[in-house]
N, C-alpha and C. Protein backbone atom coordinates (compact mmCIF):
# COMPACT_ATOMS: atom_id res chain seq x y z
N MET A 1 -10.02 7.62 6.69
CA MET A 1 -9.87 8.71 7.22
C MET A 1 -8.52 9.59 7.43
N ASN A 2 -8.47 11.29 6.86
CA ASN A 2 -7.27 11.94 7.03
C ASN A 2 -7.78 12.63 8.41
N ASN A 3 -6.47 14.15 7.85
CA ASN A 3 -6.49 15.03 9.00
C ASN A 3 -7.71 15.81 8.60
N ILE A 4 -8.26 16.65 7.69
CA ILE A 4 -9.60 16.58 7.25
C ILE A 4 -10.34 16.58 7.48
N GLU A 5 -10.69 15.47 8.07
CA GLU A 5 -12.11 14.90 8.34
C GLU A 5 -11.88 14.05 9.66
N LEU A 6 -10.67 13.85 10.01
CA LEU A 6 -10.48 14.33 11.84
C LEU A 6 -11.09 15.70 12.59
N GLN A 7 -10.26 16.61 11.88
CA GLN A 7 -10.60 18.09 12.32
C GLN A 7 -12.09 18.30 12.27
N GLN A 8 -12.83 17.80 11.31
CA GLN A 8 -14.12 17.92 11.17
C GLN A 8 -14.70 17.76 12.16
N LEU A 9 -14.65 16.37 12.25
CA LEU A 9 -15.16 15.34 13.12
C LEU A 9 -14.64 15.63 14.52
N VAL A 10 -14.18 16.19 14.93
CA VAL A 10 -13.66 17.00 16.19
C VAL A 10 -14.29 18.19 16.46
N GLU A 11 -14.12 18.92 15.38
CA GLU A 11 -15.10 20.14 16.09
C GLU A 11 -16.67 19.89 15.91
N ASN A 12 -17.30 18.59 14.93
CA ASN A 12 -18.53 18.25 15.45
C ASN A 12 -18.71 17.84 16.65
N ILE A 13 -17.97 16.85 17.43
CA ILE A 13 -17.99 16.07 18.95
C ILE A 13 -18.02 17.52 19.70
N SER A 14 -17.04 18.09 19.21
CA SER A 14 -17.15 19.61 20.17
C SER A 14 -18.37 20.25 20.10
N LEU A 15 -18.78 20.73 19.60
CA LEU A 15 -20.30 21.31 19.73
C LEU A 15 -21.61 20.32 19.93
N SER A 16 -21.38 18.96 19.54
CA SER A 16 -22.73 18.10 19.99
C SER A 16 -22.24 17.88 21.44
N SER A 17 -21.21 17.30 21.73
CA SER A 17 -21.48 17.25 23.08
C SER A 17 -21.02 18.40 23.99
N PHE A 18 -20.31 18.60 24.20
CA PHE A 18 -19.41 19.99 24.73
C PHE A 18 -20.38 21.55 24.68
N GLY A 19 -20.86 21.63 23.67
CA GLY A 19 -21.47 23.06 23.37
C GLY A 19 -21.09 23.67 23.06
N LYS A 20 -19.45 23.60 22.81
CA LYS A 20 -18.35 24.58 22.34
C LYS A 20 -17.77 24.48 21.38
N PRO A 21 -17.32 25.35 20.83
CA PRO A 21 -16.09 25.04 19.48
C PRO A 21 -14.93 24.52 19.74
N PHE A 22 -14.03 23.85 18.83
CA PHE A 22 -13.12 23.50 19.27
C PHE A 22 -12.36 24.12 18.18
N ASN A 23 -11.41 25.33 18.37
CA ASN A 23 -10.69 26.05 17.70
C ASN A 23 -9.07 25.91 17.47
N HIS A 24 -9.23 25.27 17.69
CA HIS A 24 -7.90 24.75 17.19
C HIS A 24 -7.25 23.18 16.36
N SER A 25 -6.22 22.70 16.69
CA SER A 25 -6.01 21.72 15.45
C SER A 25 -5.94 20.43 15.78
N ALA A 26 -6.63 19.28 15.17
CA ALA A 26 -6.36 17.78 15.27
C ALA A 26 -6.05 17.00 14.46
N TYR A 27 -5.13 16.36 14.42
CA TYR A 27 -4.29 15.30 13.47
C TYR A 27 -3.94 14.19 14.27
N PHE A 28 -3.67 13.67 12.71
CA PHE A 28 -2.99 12.12 13.47
C PHE A 28 -1.51 12.09 13.70
N ASN A 29 -1.14 11.28 14.64
CA ASN A 29 0.40 11.33 14.67
C ASN A 29 0.98 9.95 14.88
N ASN A 30 1.11 9.42 13.88
CA ASN A 30 1.85 7.96 13.98
C ASN A 30 2.99 7.69 14.62
N ARG A 31 3.06 8.83 15.56
CA ARG A 31 4.61 8.51 16.17
C ARG A 31 3.78 7.76 17.26
N LEU A 32 3.21 8.26 17.61
CA LEU A 32 2.31 7.83 18.92
C LEU A 32 2.27 6.27 19.34
N ARG A 33 2.39 6.39 20.66
CA ARG A 33 2.72 4.69 20.67
C ARG A 33 1.80 3.96 21.84
N THR A 34 2.02 4.45 22.62
CA THR A 34 0.88 3.87 24.13
C THR A 34 -0.13 4.42 24.65
N THR A 35 -0.58 5.82 24.20
CA THR A 35 -1.74 6.50 24.46
C THR A 35 -2.98 6.43 23.00
N GLY A 36 -3.75 6.94 23.05
CA GLY A 36 -5.03 7.11 22.89
C GLY A 36 -4.69 8.50 21.70
N GLY A 37 -4.16 9.00 22.27
CA GLY A 37 -4.65 10.63 21.89
C GLY A 37 -3.93 11.67 23.02
N ARG A 38 -3.38 12.32 22.57
CA ARG A 38 -3.17 13.47 24.24
C ARG A 38 -3.61 15.00 23.41
N TYR A 39 -3.56 15.90 24.37
CA TYR A 39 -3.97 17.16 24.28
C TYR A 39 -2.62 17.81 24.88
N LEU A 40 -2.33 19.12 23.51
CA LEU A 40 -0.89 19.68 23.83
C LEU A 40 -1.48 21.06 24.58
N LEU A 41 -0.29 21.14 25.86
CA LEU A 41 -1.28 22.64 26.80
C LEU A 41 -0.50 23.89 26.29
N GLN A 42 0.25 23.59 25.48
CA GLN A 42 1.46 25.15 24.92
C GLN A 42 0.07 25.60 23.84
N SER A 43 0.33 24.50 22.81
CA SER A 43 -0.58 24.90 21.46
C SER A 43 -1.68 24.88 21.71
N HIS A 44 -2.26 23.78 21.98
CA HIS A 44 -4.12 23.14 22.48
C HIS A 44 -4.29 22.82 21.40
N HIS A 45 -3.33 21.76 20.87
CA HIS A 45 -3.86 21.30 19.66
C HIS A 45 -3.87 19.71 20.10
N ILE A 46 -4.88 18.51 19.26
CA ILE A 46 -5.04 17.35 19.79
C ILE A 46 -4.56 16.66 18.47
N GLU A 47 -3.85 15.77 19.36
CA GLU A 47 -2.99 14.50 18.82
C GLU A 47 -3.64 13.48 18.25
N ILE A 48 -4.15 12.39 17.85
CA ILE A 48 -4.44 11.28 17.65
C ILE A 48 -3.66 10.19 17.48
N ASN A 49 -3.81 9.01 17.86
CA ASN A 49 -2.71 7.92 17.55
C ASN A 49 -3.88 7.05 16.09
N PRO A 50 -3.32 6.87 15.11
CA PRO A 50 -3.90 6.11 13.63
C PRO A 50 -4.44 4.98 14.37
N LYS A 51 -3.64 4.14 15.30
CA LYS A 51 -3.42 2.61 15.28
C LYS A 51 -4.81 2.19 15.92
N TYR A 52 -5.42 3.44 16.79
CA TYR A 52 -7.06 3.04 17.72
C TYR A 52 -8.14 2.80 16.67
N TYR A 53 -7.44 3.69 15.61
CA TYR A 53 -9.04 4.17 14.63
C TYR A 53 -8.75 2.35 13.64
N GLU A 54 -7.60 2.38 13.43
CA GLU A 54 -7.27 1.09 12.12
C GLU A 54 -7.59 -0.23 13.32
N ALA A 55 -7.41 -0.47 14.74
CA ALA A 55 -7.61 -1.49 15.49
C ALA A 55 -9.13 -1.69 16.07
N PHE A 56 -9.94 -0.50 16.31
CA PHE A 56 -10.90 -0.76 17.18
C PHE A 56 -12.48 0.09 16.32
N GLY A 57 -11.75 1.26 15.46
CA GLY A 57 -13.17 1.84 14.76
C GLY A 57 -13.40 2.88 15.18
N PHE A 58 -14.65 2.96 14.42
CA PHE A 58 -15.18 4.39 14.95
C PHE A 58 -15.40 4.77 16.45
N GLU A 59 -16.06 4.35 16.89
CA GLU A 59 -16.46 4.10 18.70
C GLU A 59 -15.23 4.40 19.60
N GLU A 60 -14.19 3.98 19.17
CA GLU A 60 -13.16 4.07 20.24
C GLU A 60 -12.56 5.56 19.57
N LEU A 61 -12.98 5.84 18.50
CA LEU A 61 -12.20 6.71 18.13
C LEU A 61 -12.71 7.66 18.72
N GLU A 62 -13.79 8.05 18.54
CA GLU A 62 -14.63 9.15 19.40
C GLU A 62 -14.43 9.16 20.56
N GLY A 63 -14.67 8.30 21.55
CA GLY A 63 -14.20 7.86 22.78
C GLY A 63 -12.83 8.76 23.29
N ILE A 64 -11.93 8.35 22.25
CA ILE A 64 -10.50 9.43 22.47
C ILE A 64 -10.68 10.66 22.33
N ILE A 65 -11.14 10.93 21.14
CA ILE A 65 -11.67 12.59 21.04
C ILE A 65 -12.64 12.99 22.49
N LYS A 66 -13.45 12.53 22.64
CA LYS A 66 -13.95 13.15 23.84
C LYS A 66 -13.36 13.48 25.10
N HIS A 67 -12.31 12.20 25.15
CA HIS A 67 -11.27 12.45 26.25
C HIS A 67 -10.68 13.32 26.08
N GLU A 68 -10.05 14.07 24.92
CA GLU A 68 -9.64 14.64 24.98
C GLU A 68 -9.69 16.17 24.87
N LEU A 69 -11.17 16.22 24.28
CA LEU A 69 -11.72 17.64 24.45
C LEU A 69 -12.11 17.53 25.73
N CYS A 70 -12.13 16.56 26.48
CA CYS A 70 -12.47 17.64 27.96
C CYS A 70 -11.10 17.79 28.67
N HIS A 71 -9.70 17.00 28.56
CA HIS A 71 -8.87 17.78 28.62
C HIS A 71 -8.29 19.32 28.13
N TYR A 72 -9.15 19.84 26.72
CA TYR A 72 -9.15 20.28 26.09
C TYR A 72 -10.05 22.18 27.28
N HIS A 73 -11.70 21.53 26.90
CA HIS A 73 -11.84 22.33 27.44
C HIS A 73 -11.60 22.95 29.19
N LEU A 74 -11.42 21.87 29.54
CA LEU A 74 -11.49 22.36 31.16
C LEU A 74 -10.06 23.22 31.17
N HIS A 75 -9.09 23.00 30.52
CA HIS A 75 -7.87 23.59 30.15
C HIS A 75 -8.31 25.11 29.91
N ILE A 76 -9.03 25.73 28.45
CA ILE A 76 -9.65 26.25 28.00
C ILE A 76 -10.15 27.40 29.51
N GLU A 77 -11.15 26.80 30.10
CA GLU A 77 -11.58 27.46 31.26
C GLU A 77 -10.70 27.52 32.27
N GLY A 78 -9.72 26.96 32.35
CA GLY A 78 -8.71 27.04 33.99
C GLY A 78 -9.46 26.19 35.09
N LYS A 79 -10.24 25.03 34.59
CA LYS A 79 -10.36 24.27 36.00
C LYS A 79 -9.37 23.07 35.42
N GLY A 80 -9.42 22.25 36.31
CA GLY A 80 -8.85 20.77 36.54
C GLY A 80 -8.76 19.97 35.19
N TYR A 81 -8.02 19.77 34.79
CA TYR A 81 -8.35 19.44 33.86
C TYR A 81 -6.87 18.13 33.14
N GLN A 82 -5.89 17.37 34.62
CA GLN A 82 -5.67 16.71 34.86
C GLN A 82 -6.78 15.18 35.33
N HIS A 83 -5.84 14.07 35.08
CA HIS A 83 -6.89 13.11 35.34
C HIS A 83 -7.56 12.36 36.57
N ARG A 84 -6.21 13.29 37.36
CA ARG A 84 -6.63 13.08 39.12
C ARG A 84 -7.45 14.01 39.82
N ASP A 85 -8.41 15.09 38.49
CA ASP A 85 -9.01 16.20 39.05
C ASP A 85 -10.27 15.48 39.09
N ARG A 86 -10.95 16.41 40.00
CA ARG A 86 -12.46 15.85 40.55
C ARG A 86 -13.32 16.55 38.89
N ASP A 87 -12.60 17.93 38.69
CA ASP A 87 -13.41 18.44 37.45
C ASP A 87 -13.73 17.45 36.42
N PHE A 88 -12.25 17.30 35.86
CA PHE A 88 -12.12 16.06 34.97
C PHE A 88 -13.44 14.86 34.76
N LYS A 89 -12.97 14.20 36.01
CA LYS A 89 -13.92 12.93 36.36
C LYS A 89 -14.91 13.20 36.17
N SER A 90 -15.33 14.49 36.66
CA SER A 90 -17.35 14.81 36.27
C SER A 90 -17.57 15.03 35.00
N LEU A 91 -16.40 15.47 34.16
CA LEU A 91 -16.76 16.02 32.83
C LEU A 91 -16.80 14.76 32.08
N LEU A 92 -16.07 13.57 32.10
CA LEU A 92 -15.75 12.30 31.38
C LEU A 92 -16.68 11.83 31.48
N GLN A 93 -18.00 11.93 32.77
CA GLN A 93 -19.32 10.87 32.78
C GLN A 93 -20.12 11.45 32.16
N LYS A 94 -19.86 13.16 32.35
CA LYS A 94 -21.12 13.55 31.56
C LYS A 94 -21.42 13.42 30.14
N VAL A 95 -20.47 13.78 29.45
CA VAL A 95 -20.06 13.32 27.56
C VAL A 95 -19.95 11.56 27.60
N ASN A 96 -20.13 10.78 28.34
CA ASN A 96 -19.97 9.27 28.65
C ASN A 96 -18.63 9.64 27.71
N ALA A 97 -17.70 9.67 28.41
CA ALA A 97 -16.23 9.36 27.39
C ALA A 97 -15.26 8.54 28.30
N PRO A 98 -14.44 7.77 27.83
CA PRO A 98 -13.59 6.42 28.92
C PRO A 98 -12.36 7.32 29.39
N ARG A 99 -12.14 7.11 30.15
CA ARG A 99 -11.29 7.20 31.50
C ARG A 99 -9.88 6.85 31.28
N PHE A 100 -9.92 5.69 30.17
CA PHE A 100 -8.93 5.02 29.58
C PHE A 100 -8.72 4.62 28.07
N CYS A 101 -8.06 4.58 27.33
CA CYS A 101 -8.39 3.71 26.09
C CYS A 101 -8.34 2.33 26.11
N SER A 102 -8.72 1.22 25.48
CA SER A 102 -8.25 0.24 25.11
C SER A 102 -7.27 -0.61 24.84
N PRO A 103 -6.56 -1.56 25.33
CA PRO A 103 -5.05 -1.72 25.14
C PRO A 103 -4.97 -2.48 23.80
N ILE A 104 -3.68 -2.13 22.89
CA ILE A 104 -3.75 -2.52 21.11
C ILE A 104 -3.21 -3.93 21.29
N PRO A 105 -3.80 -4.96 20.90
CA PRO A 105 -3.31 -6.30 20.94
C PRO A 105 -2.20 -6.04 20.14
N LYS A 106 -1.01 -6.55 20.88
CA LYS A 106 0.06 -6.19 20.37
C LYS A 106 0.88 -7.81 19.46
N ASN A 107 1.31 -6.87 18.18
CA ASN A 107 1.50 -8.29 17.58
C ASN A 107 3.01 -8.19 17.59
N LYS A 108 4.07 -8.94 18.52
CA LYS A 108 4.89 -9.58 18.51
C LYS A 108 5.73 -10.19 17.94
N ALA A 109 6.36 -9.94 17.31
CA ALA A 109 7.11 -11.34 16.32
C ALA A 109 8.24 -11.67 17.24
N THR A 110 7.58 -12.93 16.97
CA THR A 110 8.89 -13.68 17.83
C THR A 110 10.60 -13.72 17.30
N ARG A 111 10.78 -13.57 18.77
CA ARG A 111 12.79 -13.13 18.70
C ARG A 111 13.46 -14.61 18.56
N LYS A 112 14.26 -14.31 17.96
CA LYS A 112 15.41 -15.60 18.13
C LYS A 112 16.13 -15.32 19.17
N ARG A 113 16.30 -16.58 19.75
CA ARG A 113 16.99 -16.87 20.83
C ARG A 113 18.58 -17.27 21.04
N TYR A 114 19.24 -17.22 21.44
CA TYR A 114 20.94 -17.83 21.48
C TYR A 114 21.00 -18.85 22.97
N VAL A 115 21.14 -20.10 23.13
CA VAL A 115 21.07 -20.39 23.92
C VAL A 115 22.69 -20.91 24.13
N TYR A 116 23.13 -20.68 25.41
CA TYR A 116 24.71 -20.50 25.29
C TYR A 116 25.02 -22.11 26.84
N GLY A 117 26.29 -22.57 26.58
CA GLY A 117 26.70 -23.62 27.76
C GLY A 117 28.04 -23.18 28.06
N CYS A 118 28.33 -23.47 29.45
CA CYS A 118 29.48 -23.57 30.01
C CYS A 118 30.25 -25.00 29.27
N LYS A 119 31.32 -25.33 29.46
CA LYS A 119 31.34 -26.24 28.53
C LYS A 119 32.07 -27.06 30.14
N GLN A 120 32.85 -26.36 30.98
CA GLN A 120 33.01 -27.12 32.51
C GLN A 120 31.74 -27.16 33.91
N CYS A 121 30.85 -25.96 33.76
CA CYS A 121 30.02 -26.42 34.73
C CYS A 121 28.64 -27.09 34.10
N SER A 122 28.38 -26.78 32.78
CA SER A 122 27.75 -27.12 32.34
C SER A 122 26.22 -26.08 32.44
N GLN A 123 26.55 -24.55 32.95
CA GLN A 123 25.08 -23.86 33.33
C GLN A 123 24.94 -22.86 31.67
N GLN A 124 23.78 -22.88 31.88
CA GLN A 124 23.20 -22.43 30.38
C GLN A 124 22.39 -21.12 30.64
N PHE A 125 23.09 -20.48 29.47
CA PHE A 125 23.10 -18.94 29.46
C PHE A 125 21.81 -18.12 28.24
N VAL A 126 20.65 -18.02 28.27
CA VAL A 126 19.88 -17.73 27.35
C VAL A 126 20.15 -16.15 27.10
N ARG A 127 20.00 -15.76 25.62
CA ARG A 127 20.42 -14.57 25.05
C ARG A 127 19.58 -14.33 24.06
N TYR A 128 19.17 -13.12 24.14
CA TYR A 128 18.08 -12.23 22.44
C TYR A 128 19.50 -11.41 21.89
N LYS A 129 20.76 -11.47 22.02
CA LYS A 129 21.39 -11.07 21.65
C LYS A 129 22.71 -12.16 21.07
N ARG A 130 23.34 -12.59 19.75
CA ARG A 130 23.98 -13.60 20.14
C ARG A 130 26.01 -12.68 20.57
N MET A 131 26.23 -13.28 21.03
CA MET A 131 27.59 -13.29 21.59
C MET A 131 28.95 -13.57 21.55
N ASP A 132 29.57 -12.88 21.24
CA ASP A 132 30.98 -14.15 20.46
C ASP A 132 31.76 -14.15 21.81
N THR A 133 32.08 -15.82 22.03
CA THR A 133 32.11 -16.31 23.02
C THR A 133 33.78 -16.67 23.12
N LYS A 134 34.46 -16.16 22.20
CA LYS A 134 35.75 -16.08 22.58
C LYS A 134 36.03 -14.70 23.70
N ARG A 135 35.21 -13.57 23.80
CA ARG A 135 35.40 -12.78 24.38
C ARG A 135 34.75 -12.78 26.45
N TYR A 136 33.86 -13.73 26.10
CA TYR A 136 33.50 -13.97 27.76
C TYR A 136 33.77 -15.78 28.09
N VAL A 137 33.09 -15.31 29.74
CA VAL A 137 33.71 -16.89 30.09
C VAL A 137 32.73 -17.14 31.02
N CYS A 138 32.83 -18.39 31.36
CA CYS A 138 31.14 -18.44 32.33
C CYS A 138 31.23 -17.80 34.05
N GLY A 139 30.16 -17.14 34.33
CA GLY A 139 30.45 -16.61 35.66
C GLY A 139 30.51 -16.89 36.95
N LYS A 140 30.21 -18.11 36.69
CA LYS A 140 30.14 -19.35 37.74
C LYS A 140 31.74 -19.86 37.82
N CYS A 141 31.71 -20.43 36.86
CA CYS A 141 33.18 -21.09 36.89
C CYS A 141 34.24 -20.89 36.43
N ASN A 142 34.34 -19.47 35.38
CA ASN A 142 35.42 -19.14 34.80
C ASN A 142 36.12 -19.89 33.90
N GLY A 143 34.79 -20.77 33.27
CA GLY A 143 35.09 -21.75 31.58
C GLY A 143 34.39 -21.21 30.45
N LYS A 144 35.12 -21.59 29.99
CA LYS A 144 34.87 -21.56 28.19
C LYS A 144 33.03 -21.59 28.09
N ILE A 145 32.79 -20.57 27.18
CA ILE A 145 31.40 -20.92 27.00
C ILE A 145 31.27 -21.65 25.04
N ASN A 146 30.14 -22.18 24.93
CA ASN A 146 29.80 -22.05 23.25
C ASN A 146 28.55 -22.27 23.03
N LEU A 147 28.20 -22.03 21.79
CA LEU A 147 26.56 -21.68 21.35
C LEU A 147 25.92 -22.81 21.70
N LEU A 148 25.11 -23.76 22.39
CA LEU A 148 24.64 -24.80 22.29
C LEU A 148 23.72 -24.75 21.14
N LYS A 149 22.72 -23.81 20.71
CA LYS A 149 21.40 -24.34 19.87
C LYS A 149 20.78 -22.66 19.53
N GLU A 150 20.37 -22.31 18.43
CA GLU A 150 19.44 -20.94 18.64
C GLU A 150 18.09 -21.50 18.06
N VAL A 151 17.03 -20.60 18.77
CA VAL A 151 15.69 -21.30 19.27
C VAL A 151 14.82 -20.18 18.47
N ASP A 152 13.96 -20.68 17.39
CA ASP A 152 13.38 -19.33 16.57
C ASP A 152 12.23 -19.03 17.47
């Protein structure tokens, strides 16, 4: 799906679910990370996270669009458009839109860990970044530190 198809989809959902036209732009924003979409108060545009469409499909995308359109129409009408407002909550229920989007499963790459140890007191330190053992000493006994192992 591209931005033109998204724009048409948002306009169709606005007319069918809300009975009101959507007169601004809707587009994908690849930089969104933790949210499914956002409504911009100044420009009245709607940005959608394409990762949600790829991960969950059309139904989740439709829910996100309905959620953002709730913000849009309530803000245009001068009513309570924020998540905590009663107008917003009731409009969400009326159009069957989700209050929050599903979390995307994290594809967290395994990070390399470095295990350091003190030569005097055997204190161990686990780090994610490599450190220069000549510059640092043990925080417990001021002994020398050496790299014990790298764990993938």
